[in-house]
PDB file of N, CA and C in Angstrom:
ATOM      1  N   UNK A   1       0.851  -1.249   0.015  1.00  0.00           N
ATOM      2  CA  UNK A   1      -0.081  -0.043   0.079  1.00  0.00           C
ATOM      3  C   UNK A   1       0.894   1.203   0.056  1.00  0.00           C
ATOM      4  N   UNK A   2       0.498   2.087  -0.797  1.00  0.00           N
ATOM      5  CA  UNK A   2       1.234   3.401  -0.861  1.00  0.00           C
ATOM      6  C   UNK A   2       0.587   4.523   0.016  1.00  0.00           C
ATOM      7  N   UNK A   3       1.295   5.074   0.843  1.00  0.00           N
ATOM      8  CA  UNK A   3       0.625   5.939   1.794  1.00  0.00           C
ATOM      9  C   UNK A   3       0.227   7.336   1.120  1.00  0.00           C
ATOM     10  N   UNK A   4      -0.918   7.807   1.511  1.00  0.00           N
ATOM     11  CA  UNK A   4      -1.559   9.007   0.792  1.00  0.00           C
ATOM     12  C   UNK A   4      -0.756  10.362   0.992  1.00  0.00           C
ATOM     13  N   UNK A   5      -0.425  10.923  -0.096  1.00  0.00           N
ATOM     14  CA  UNK A   5       0.494  12.063   0.081  1.00  0.00           C
ATOM     15  C   UNK A   5      -0.417  13.305   0.594  1.00  0.00           C
ATOM     16  N   UNK A   6       0.235  14.132   1.266  1.00  0.00           N
ATOM     17  CA  UNK A   6      -0.386  15.482   1.701  1.00  0.00           C
ATOM     18  C   UNK A   6      -0.074  16.636   0.704  1.00  0.00           C
ATOM     19  N   UNK A   7      -1.045  16.662   0.000  1.00  0.00           N
ATOM     20  CA  UNK A   7      -0.867  17.785  -1.196  1.00  0.00           C
ATOM     21  C   UNK A   7      -0.811  19.134  -1.098  1.00  0.00           C
ATOM     22  N   UNK A   8      -1.346  19.606   0.309  1.00  0.00           N
ATOM     23  CA  UNK A   8      -1.096  20.723   0.639  1.00  0.00           C
ATOM     24  C   UNK A   8      -1.357  20.976   2.240  1.00  0.00           C
ATOM     25  N   UNK A   9      -0.701  21.802   2.803  1.00  0.00           N
ATOM     26  CA  UNK A   9      -1.051  22.110   4.307  1.00  0.00           C
ATOM     27  C   UNK A   9      -0.756  23.541   4.494  1.00  0.00           C
ATOM     28  N   UNK A  10      -1.851  24.121   4.990  1.00  0.00           N
ATOM     29  CA  UNK A  10      -1.817  25.676   5.363  1.00  0.00           C
ATOM     30  C   UNK A  10      -1.518  26.142   6.583  1.00  0.00           C
ATOM     31  N   UNK A  11      -1.140  25.045   7.441  1.00  0.00           N
ATOM     32  CA  UNK A  11      -0.887  25.500   8.835  1.00  0.00           C
ATOM     33  C   UNK A  11       0.493  25.860   8.961  1.00  0.00           C
ATOM     34  N   UNK A  12       0.638  27.150   8.668  1.00  0.00           N
ATOM     35  CA  UNK A  12       2.095  27.904   8.321  1.00  0.00           C
ATOM     36  C   UNK A  12       2.868  27.886   9.743  1.00  0.00           C
ATOM     37  N   UNK A  13       2.261  27.806  10.822  1.00  0.00           N
ATOM     38  CA  UNK A  13       3.099  27.748  12.118  1.00  0.00           C
ATOM     39  C   UNK A  13       3.592  26.347  12.447  1.00  0.00           C
ATOM     40  N   UNK A  14       3.296  25.501  11.761  1.00  0.00           N
ATOM     41  CA  UNK A  14       3.643  24.064  12.118  1.00  0.00           C
ATOM     42  C   UNK A  14       5.157  23.946  11.748  1.00  0.00           C
ATOM     43  N   UNK A  15       5.850  23.158  12.617  1.00  0.00           N
ATOM     44  CA  UNK A  15       7.096  22.865  12.426  1.00  0.00           C
ATOM     45  C   UNK A  15       7.539  22.200  11.117  1.00  0.00           C
ATOM     46  N   UNK A  16       6.541  21.433  10.752  1.00  0.00           N
ATOM     47  CA  UNK A  16       6.715  20.530   9.599  1.00  0.00           C
ATOM     48  C   UNK A  16       6.429  21.036   8.140  1.00  0.00           C
ATOM     49  N   UNK A  17       5.788  22.275   8.284  1.00  0.00           N
ATOM     50  CA  UNK A  17       5.365  23.029   7.131  1.00  0.00           C
ATOM     51  C   UNK A  17       6.305  23.985   6.618  1.00  0.00           C
ATOM     52  N   UNK A  18       6.961  23.684   5.217  1.00  0.00           N
ATOM     53  CA  UNK A  18       7.548  24.847   4.661  1.00  0.00           C
ATOM     54  C   UNK A  18       6.964  25.080   3.298  1.00  0.00           C
ATOM     55  N   UNK A  19       6.614  26.394   3.069  1.00  0.00           N
ATOM     56  CA  UNK A  19       5.724  26.752   1.734  1.00  0.00           C
ATOM     57  C   UNK A  19       4.544  26.016   1.448  1.00  0.00           C
ATOM     58  N   UNK A  20       3.822  25.659   2.571  1.00  0.00           N
ATOM     59  CA  UNK A  20       2.489  24.841   2.313  1.00  0.00           C
ATOM     60  C   UNK A  20       2.912  23.417   1.875  1.00  0.00           C
ATOM     61  N   UNK A  21       3.900  22.855   2.226  1.00  0.00           N
ATOM     62  CA  UNK A  21       4.380  21.610   1.988  1.00  0.00           C
ATOM     63  C   UNK A  21       4.699  21.055   3.152  1.00  0.00           C
ATOM     64  N   UNK A  22       3.992  19.653   3.531  1.00  0.00           N
ATOM     65  CA  UNK A  22       4.164  19.116   4.886  1.00  0.00           C
ATOM     66  C   UNK A  22       5.604  18.244   4.681  1.00  0.00           C
ATOM     67  N   UNK A  23       6.342  18.423   5.556  1.00  0.00           N
ATOM     68  CA  UNK A  23       7.700  17.517   5.523  1.00  0.00           C
ATOM     69  C   UNK A  23       8.054  16.466   6.429  1.00  0.00           C
ATOM     70  N   UNK A  24       6.762  16.280   7.254  1.00  0.00           N
ATOM     71  CA  UNK A  24       6.866  15.203   8.190  1.00  0.00           C
ATOM     72  C   UNK A  24       6.836  13.911   7.270  1.00  0.00           C
ATOM     73  N   UNK A  25       7.626  12.802   7.709  1.00  0.00           N
ATOM     74  CA  UNK A  25       7.705  11.502   6.758  1.00  0.00           C
ATOM     75  C   UNK A  25       6.313  10.889   6.849  1.00  0.00           C
ATOM     76  N   UNK A  26       5.425  11.004   7.984  1.00  0.00           N
ATOM     77  CA  UNK A  26       4.189  10.385   8.123  1.00  0.00           C
ATOM     78  C   UNK A  26       3.354  11.153   9.129  1.00  0.00           C
ATOM     79  N   UNK A  27       2.120  11.451   8.833  1.00  0.00           N
ATOM     80  CA  UNK A  27       1.363  12.232  10.086  1.00  0.00           C
ATOM     81  C   UNK A  27       0.362  11.183  10.399  1.00  0.00           C
ATOM     82  N   UNK A  28      -0.225  11.434  11.585  1.00  0.00           N
ATOM     83  CA  UNK A  28      -1.382  10.879  12.155  1.00  0.00           C
ATOM     84  C   UNK A  28      -2.538  11.658  12.147  1.00  0.00           C
ATOM     85  N   UNK A  29      -3.698  11.394  11.654  1.00  0.00           N
ATOM     86  CA  UNK A  29      -4.788  12.187  11.729  1.00  0.00           C
ATOM     87  C   UNK A  29      -5.780  11.446  12.674  1.00  0.00           C
ATOM     88  N   UNK A  30      -6.536  12.400  13.460  1.00  0.00           N
ATOM     89  CA  UNK A  30      -7.415  11.812  14.541  1.00  0.00           C
ATOM     90  C   UNK A  30      -7.028  12.309  15.862  1.00  0.00           C
ATOM     91  N   UNK A  31      -8.132  12.917  16.520  1.00  0.00           N
ATOM     92  CA  UNK A  31      -7.814  13.529  17.994  1.00  0.00           C
ATOM     93  C   UNK A  31      -7.763  12.305  18.983  1.00  0.00           C
ATOM     94  N   UNK A  32      -6.599  12.191  19.703  1.00  0.00           N
ATOM     95  CA  UNK A  32      -6.537  11.106  20.598  1.00  0.00           C
ATOM     96  C   UNK A  32      -7.748  11.128  21.558  1.00  0.00           C
ATOM     97  N   UNK A  33      -8.200  12.208  22.060  1.00  0.00           N
ATOM     98  CA  UNK A  33      -9.302  12.384  23.020  1.00  0.00           C
ATOM     99  C   UNK A  33     -10.515  11.853  22.549  1.00  0.00           C
ATOM    100  N   UNK A  34     -10.808  12.154  21.276  1.00  0.00           N
ATOM    101  CA  UNK A  34     -12.093  12.024  20.589  1.00  0.00           C
ATOM    102  C   UNK A  34     -11.935  11.450  19.053  1.00  0.00           C
ATOM    103  N   UNK A  35     -11.402  10.326  18.936  1.00  0.00           N
ATOM    104  CA  UNK A  35     -11.271   9.944  17.576  1.00  0.00           C
ATOM    105  C   UNK A  35     -12.345   9.655  16.542  1.00  0.00           C
ATOM    106  N   UNK A  36     -13.425   9.771  17.033  1.00  0.00           N
ATOM    107  CA  UNK A  36     -14.872   9.480  16.303  1.00  0.00           C
ATOM    108  C   UNK A  36     -15.043  10.919  15.542  1.00  0.00           C
ATOM    109  N   UNK A  37     -14.798  12.165  16.182  1.00  0.00           N
ATOM    110  CA  UNK A  37     -15.547  13.392  15.600  1.00  0.00           C
ATOM    111  C   UNK A  37     -14.482  14.408  15.319  1.00  0.00           C
ATOM    112  N   UNK A  38     -13.057  14.053  15.521  1.00  0.00           N
ATOM    113  CA  UNK A  38     -12.084  15.279  15.145  1.00  0.00           C
ATOM    114  C   UNK A  38     -11.020  14.853  14.261  1.00  0.00           C
ATOM    115  N   UNK A  39     -11.149  15.058  12.980  1.00  0.00           N
ATOM    116  CA  UNK A  39     -10.053  14.762  12.047  1.00  0.00           C
ATOM    117  C   UNK A  39      -8.805  15.483  12.102  1.00  0.00           C
ATOM    118  N   UNK A  40      -8.386  15.909  13.267  1.00  0.00           N
ATOM    119  CA  UNK A  40      -7.206  16.906  13.486  1.00  0.00           C
ATOM    120  C   UNK A  40      -5.932  16.096  13.146  1.00  0.00           C
ATOM    121  N   UNK A  41      -5.030  16.911  12.544  1.00  0.00           N
ATOM    122  CA  UNK A  41      -3.582  16.587  12.417  1.00  0.00           C
ATOM    123  C   UNK A  41      -2.952  16.229  13.734  1.00  0.00           C
ATOM    124  N   UNK A  42      -2.797  15.193  14.174  1.00  0.00           N
ATOM    125  CA  UNK A  42      -2.380  14.903  15.668  1.00  0.00           C
ATOM    126  C   UNK A  42      -0.753  15.109  15.576  1.00  0.00           C
ATOM    127  N   UNK A  43      -0.230  15.180  14.299  1.00  0.00           N
ATOM    128  CA  UNK A  43       1.264  15.570  14.192  1.00  0.00           C
ATOM    129  C   UNK A  43       1.613  16.883  14.375  1.00  0.00           C
ATOM    130  N   UNK A  44       0.509  17.909  14.077  1.00  0.00           N
ATOM    131  CA  UNK A  44       0.668  19.386  14.132  1.00  0.00           C
ATOM    132  C   UNK A  44       1.428  19.739  15.382  1.00  0.00           C
ATOM    133  N   UNK A  45       2.505  20.509  15.102  1.00  0.00           N
ATOM    134  CA  UNK A  45       3.331  21.203  16.257  1.00  0.00           C
ATOM    135  C   UNK A  45       3.688  22.561  15.972  1.00  0.00           C
ATOM    136  N   UNK A  46       2.984  23.358  16.903  1.00  0.00           N
ATOM    137  CA  UNK A  46       3.332  24.909  16.643  1.00  0.00           C
ATOM    138  C   UNK A  46       4.782  25.207  17.146  1.00  0.00           C
ATOM    139  N   UNK A  47       5.492  25.580  16.419  1.00  0.00           N
ATOM    140  CA  UNK A  47       6.950  25.738  16.759  1.00  0.00           C
ATOM    141  C   UNK A  47       7.699  26.548  15.854  1.00  0.00           C
ATOM    142  N   UNK A  48       8.704  27.494  16.436  1.00  0.00           N
ATOM    143  CA  UNK A  48       9.379  28.197  15.520  1.00  0.00           C
ATOM    144  C   UNK A  48      10.592  27.407  14.948  1.00  0.00           C
ATOM    145  N   UNK A  49      10.979  26.018  15.286  1.00  0.00           N
ATOM    146  CA  UNK A  49      11.973  25.313  14.494  1.00  0.00           C
ATOM    147  C   UNK A  49      11.457  24.403  13.545  1.00  0.00           C
ATOM    148  N   UNK A  50      12.423  24.203  12.611  1.00  0.00           N
ATOM    149  CA  UNK A  50      11.931  23.556  11.481  1.00  0.00           C
ATOM    150  C   UNK A  50      12.151  22.016  11.536  1.00  0.00           C
ATOM    151  N   UNK A  51      11.078  21.423  11.320  1.00  0.00           N
ATOM    152  CA  UNK A  51      11.058  19.884  11.455  1.00  0.00           C
ATOM    153  C   UNK A  51      10.862  19.202  10.152  1.00  0.00           C
ATOM    154  N   UNK A  52      11.134  18.011  10.175  1.00  0.00           N
ATOM    155  CA  UNK A  52      10.906  17.105   9.351  1.00  0.00           C
ATOM    156  C   UNK A  52      12.014  16.999   8.285  1.00  0.00           C
ATOM    157  N   UNK A  53      11.846  16.272   7.288  1.00  0.00           N
ATOM    158  CA  UNK A  53      12.817  16.002   6.392  1.00  0.00           C
ATOM    159  C   UNK A  53      12.699  16.714   5.087  1.00  0.00           C
ATOM    160  N   UNK A  54      13.552  17.864   4.757  1.00  0.00           N
ATOM    161  CA  UNK A  54      13.344  18.749   3.659  1.00  0.00           C
ATOM    162  C   UNK A  54      13.031  18.046   2.134  1.00  0.00           C
ATOM    163  N   UNK A  55      13.535  16.829   1.964  1.00  0.00           N
ATOM    164  CA  UNK A  55      13.322  16.138   0.638  1.00  0.00           C
ATOM    165  C   UNK A  55      12.099  15.457   0.533  1.00  0.00           C
ATOM    166  N   UNK A  56      11.302  15.377   1.633  1.00  0.00           N
ATOM    167  CA  UNK A  56      10.245  14.551   1.628  1.00  0.00           C
ATOM    168  C   UNK A  56       8.806  15.375   1.686  1.00  0.00           C
ATOM    169  N   UNK A  57       7.962  14.792   0.976  1.00  0.00           N
ATOM    170  CA  UNK A  57       6.633  15.455   0.990  1.00  0.00           C
ATOM    171  C   UNK A  57       5.685  14.461   1.893  1.00  0.00           C
ATOM    172  N   UNK A  58       5.244  15.016   2.970  1.00  0.00           N
ATOM    173  CA  UNK A  58       4.441  14.262   4.088  1.00  0.00           C
ATOM    174  C   UNK A  58       3.281  13.493   3.427  1.00  0.00           C
ATOM    175  N   UNK A  59       3.211  12.355   4.182  1.00  0.00           N
ATOM    176  CA  UNK A  59       2.177  11.354   3.872  1.00  0.00           C
ATOM    177  C   UNK A  59       1.324  10.934   5.061  1.00  0.00           C
ATOM    178  N   UNK A  60       0.190  10.474   4.911  1.00  0.00           N
ATOM    179  CA  UNK A  60      -0.572   9.987   6.130  1.00  0.00           C
ATOM    180  C   UNK A  60      -0.169   8.506   6.512  1.00  0.00           C
ATOM    181  N   UNK A  61       0.379   8.456   7.739  1.00  0.00           N
ATOM    182  CA  UNK A  61       0.850   7.092   8.265  1.00  0.00           C
ATOM    183  C   UNK A  61      -0.275   6.508   8.766  1.00  0.00           C
ATOM    184  N   UNK A  62      -1.127   7.196   9.622  1.00  0.00           N
ATOM    185  CA  UNK A  62      -2.316   6.483  10.239  1.00  0.00           C
ATOM    186  C   UNK A  62      -3.387   7.518  10.381  1.00  0.00           C
ATOM    187  N   UNK A  63      -4.573   6.919  10.272  1.00  0.00           N
ATOM    188  CA  UNK A  63      -5.847   7.629  10.603  1.00  0.00           C
ATOM    189  C   UNK A  63      -6.859   7.080  11.398  1.00  0.00           C
ATOM    190  N   UNK A  64      -7.211   7.713  12.676  1.00  0.00           N
ATOM    191  CA  UNK A  64      -7.859   7.075  13.641  1.00  0.00           C
ATOM    192  C   UNK A  64      -9.441   7.359  13.421  1.00  0.00           C
ATOM    193  N   UNK A  65      -9.830   8.160  12.176  1.00  0.00           N
ATOM    194  CA  UNK A  65     -10.958   8.454  11.919  1.00  0.00           C
ATOM    195  C   UNK A  65     -11.881   7.221  11.059  1.00  0.00           C
ATOM    196  N   UNK A  66     -12.255   6.258  11.921  1.00  0.00           N
ATOM    197  CA  UNK A  66     -12.982   5.133  11.385  1.00  0.00           C
ATOM    198  C   UNK A  66     -14.154   5.360  10.725  1.00  0.00           C
ATOM    199  N   UNK A  67     -14.781   6.551  10.816  1.00  0.00           N
ATOM    200  CA  UNK A  67     -15.964   7.067  10.162  1.00  0.00           C
ATOM    201  C   UNK A  67     -15.751   7.595   8.972  1.00  0.00           C
ATOM    202  N   UNK A  68     -14.620   7.633   8.553  1.00  0.00           N
ATOM    203  CA  UNK A  68     -14.363   8.439   7.114  1.00  0.00           C
ATOM    204  C   UNK A  68     -14.410   7.532   5.899  1.00  0.00           C
ATOM    205  N   UNK A  69     -15.199   7.965   4.965  1.00  0.00           N
ATOM    206  CA  UNK A  69     -15.162   6.968   3.826  1.00  0.00           C
ATOM    207  C   UNK A  69     -13.952   6.456   3.160  1.00  0.00           C
ATOM    208  N   UNK A  70     -12.695   7.410   3.437  1.00  0.00           N
ATOM    209  CA  UNK A  70     -11.596   7.174   2.826  1.00  0.00           C
ATOM    210  C   UNK A  70     -10.596   6.011   3.864  1.00  0.00           C
ATOM    211  N   UNK A  71     -11.179   5.662   4.984  1.00  0.00           N
ATOM    212  CA  UNK A  71     -10.557   4.828   6.100  1.00  0.00           C
ATOM    213  C   UNK A  71     -11.055   3.376   5.928  1.00  0.00           C
ATOM    214  N   UNK A  72      -9.958   2.546   5.868  1.00  0.00           N
ATOM    215  CA  UNK A  72     -10.177   1.123   5.977  1.00  0.00           C
ATOM    216  C   UNK A  72      -9.293   0.513   6.872  1.00  0.00           C
ATOM    217  N   UNK A  73      -9.705  -0.111   7.953  1.00  0.00           N
ATOM    218  CA  UNK A  73      -8.779  -0.732   8.818  1.00  0.00           C
ATOM    219  C   UNK A  73      -7.904   0.487   9.454  1.00  0.00           C
ATOM    220  N   UNK A  74      -8.408   1.551   9.825  1.00  0.00           N
ATOM    221  CA  UNK A  74      -7.591   2.647  10.457  1.00  0.00           C
ATOM    222  C   UNK A  74      -6.588   3.224   9.353  1.00  0.00           C
ATOM    223  N   UNK A  75      -6.601   2.917   8.225  1.00  0.00           N
ATOM    224  CA  UNK A  75      -5.574   3.448   7.289  1.00  0.00           C
ATOM    225  C   UNK A  75      -6.212   4.331   6.172  1.00  0.00           C
ATOM    226  N   UNK A  76      -5.627   5.467   5.809  1.00  0.00           N
ATOM    227  CA  UNK A  76      -6.168   6.218   4.861  1.00  0.00           C
ATOM    228  C   UNK A  76      -6.093   5.604   3.441  1.00  0.00           C
ATOM    229  N   UNK A  77      -7.008   5.808   2.698  1.00  0.00           N
ATOM    230  CA  UNK A  77      -7.025   5.175   1.106  1.00  0.00           C
ATOM    231  C   UNK A  77      -7.139   6.226   0.207  1.00  0.00           C
ATOM    232  N   UNK A  78      -7.244   7.408   0.728  1.00  0.00           N
ATOM    233  CA  UNK A  78      -7.566   8.622  -0.352  1.00  0.00           C
ATOM    234  C   UNK A  78      -6.046   8.810  -1.095  1.00  0.00           C
ATOM    235  N   UNK A  79      -6.364   9.226  -2.526  1.00  0.00           N
ATOM    236  CA  UNK A  79      -5.103   9.359  -3.150  1.00  0.00           C
ATOM    237  C   UNK A  79      -4.130  10.468  -2.632  1.00  0.00           C
ATOM    238  N   UNK A  80      -4.902  11.603  -1.979  1.00  0.00           N
ATOM    239  CA  UNK A  80      -4.122  12.431  -1.278  1.00  0.00           C
ATOM    240  C   UNK A  80      -4.997  13.162  -0.423  1.00  0.00           C
ATOM    241  N   UNK A  81      -4.423  14.063   0.554  1.00  0.00           N
ATOM    242  CA  UNK A  81      -5.363  14.745   1.556  1.00  0.00           C
ATOM    243  C   UNK A  81      -4.853  16.337   1.534  1.00  0.00           C
ATOM    244  N   UNK A  82      -5.756  17.231   1.975  1.00  0.00           N
ATOM    245  CA  UNK A  82      -5.374  18.499   2.218  1.00  0.00           C
ATOM    246  C   UNK A  82      -5.499  18.647   3.778  1.00  0.00           C
ATOM    247  N   UNK A  83      -4.599  19.538   4.364  1.00  0.00           N
ATOM    248  CA  UNK A  83      -4.492  19.775   5.868  1.00  0.00           C
ATOM    249  C   UNK A  83      -4.798  21.359   5.956  1.00  0.00           C
ATOM    250  N   UNK A  84      -5.748  21.625   6.862  1.00  0.00           N
ATOM    251  CA  UNK A  84      -5.836  23.168   6.969  1.00  0.00           C
ATOM    252  C   UNK A  84      -6.839  23.569   8.103  1.00  0.00           C
ATOM    253  N   UNK A  85      -7.091  24.671   8.166  1.00  0.00           N
ATOM    254  CA  UNK A  85      -8.097  24.980   9.451  1.00  0.00           C
ATOM    255  C   UNK A  85      -9.421  24.715   9.303  1.00  0.00           C
ATOM    256  N   UNK A  86      -9.951  24.138  10.435  1.00  0.00           N
ATOM    257  CA  UNK A  86     -11.410  24.075  10.491  1.00  0.00           C
ATOM    258  C   UNK A  86     -11.664  24.474  12.034  1.00  0.00           C
ATOM    259  N   UNK A  87     -12.600  25.481  12.142  1.00  0.00           N
ATOM    260  CA  UNK A  87     -12.894  26.006  13.495  1.00  0.00           C
ATOM    261  C   UNK A  87     -11.588  26.066  14.471  1.00  0.00           C
ATOM    262  N   UNK A  88     -10.664  26.635  13.903  1.00  0.00           N
ATOM    263  CA  UNK A  88      -9.506  27.097  14.851  1.00  0.00           C
ATOM    264  C   UNK A  88      -8.607  25.744  15.020  1.00  0.00           C
ATOM    265  N   UNK A  89      -8.810  24.610  14.408  1.00  0.00           N
ATOM    266  CA  UNK A  89      -7.935  23.655  14.751  1.00  0.00           C
ATOM    267  C   UNK A  89      -7.370  23.079  13.234  1.00  0.00           C
ATOM    268  N   UNK A  90      -6.248  22.254  13.306  1.00  0.00           N
ATOM    269  CA  UNK A  90      -5.701  21.873  12.006  1.00  0.00           C
ATOM    270  C   UNK A  90      -6.382  20.522  11.701  1.00  0.00           C
ATOM    271  N   UNK A  91      -7.104  20.468  10.745  1.00  0.00           N
ATOM    272  CA  UNK A  91      -7.626  19.201  10.426  1.00  0.00           C
ATOM    273  C   UNK A  91      -7.511  18.687   9.130  1.00  0.00           C
ATOM    274  N   UNK A  92      -7.573  17.432   8.780  1.00  0.00           N
ATOM    275  CA  UNK A  92      -7.604  16.761   7.457  1.00  0.00           C
ATOM    276  C   UNK A  92      -8.795  17.349   6.756  1.00  0.00           C
ATOM    277  N   UNK A  93      -8.725  18.104   5.819  1.00  0.00           N
ATOM    278  CA  UNK A  93      -9.945  18.690   5.118  1.00  0.00           C
ATOM    279  C   UNK A  93     -10.538  17.817   4.178  1.00  0.00           C
ATOM    280  N   UNK A  94      -9.946  16.588   3.862  1.00  0.00           N
ATOM    281  CA  UNK A  94     -10.368  15.513   2.950  1.00  0.00           C
ATOM    282  C   UNK A  94     -11.306  14.759   3.581  1.00  0.00           C
ATOM    283  N   UNK A  95     -11.368  14.589   5.066  1.00  0.00           N
ATOM    284  CA  UNK A  95     -12.153  13.870   5.743  1.00  0.00           C
ATOM    285  C   UNK A  95     -13.687  13.870   5.297  1.00  0.00           C
ATOM    286  N   UNK A  96     -14.365  12.809   5.350  1.00  0.00           N
ATOM    287  CA  UNK A  96     -15.655  12.832   4.546  1.00  0.00           C
ATOM    288  C   UNK A  96     -16.479  11.667   5.437  1.00  0.00           C
ATOM    289  N   UNK A  97     -17.449  11.971   6.202  1.00  0.00           N
ATOM    290  CA  UNK A  97     -18.167  10.954   7.046  1.00  0.00           C
ATOM    291  C   UNK A  97     -18.703   9.941   5.821  1.00  0.00           C
ATOM    292  N   UNK A  98     -18.669   8.692   6.397  1.00  0.00           N
ATOM    293  CA  UNK A  98     -19.011   7.531   5.657  1.00  0.00           C
ATOM    294  C   UNK A  98     -20.649   7.545   5.717  1.00  0.00           C
TER     295      UNK A  98
END
């Protein structure tokens, strides 16, 4: 299985974001405290330091959103995702309830 690529991330304050591109090798989607209702980027880290691998475009490593139509066995099967702000939190904007 090929991990889905993060086609765009607008969370500019994230340590892994450089020019709207995620450079975390793999992110996790889903809020630890409430995995059924919040498709947050659990890897988001608000920091002034630069993180990630500059030569890598981020991918989705795990998704805890079992109710998403792109999710099978807690793995994302969307071709790509977009990460951005939803109600002041950084979410997977590709999330779609099944």
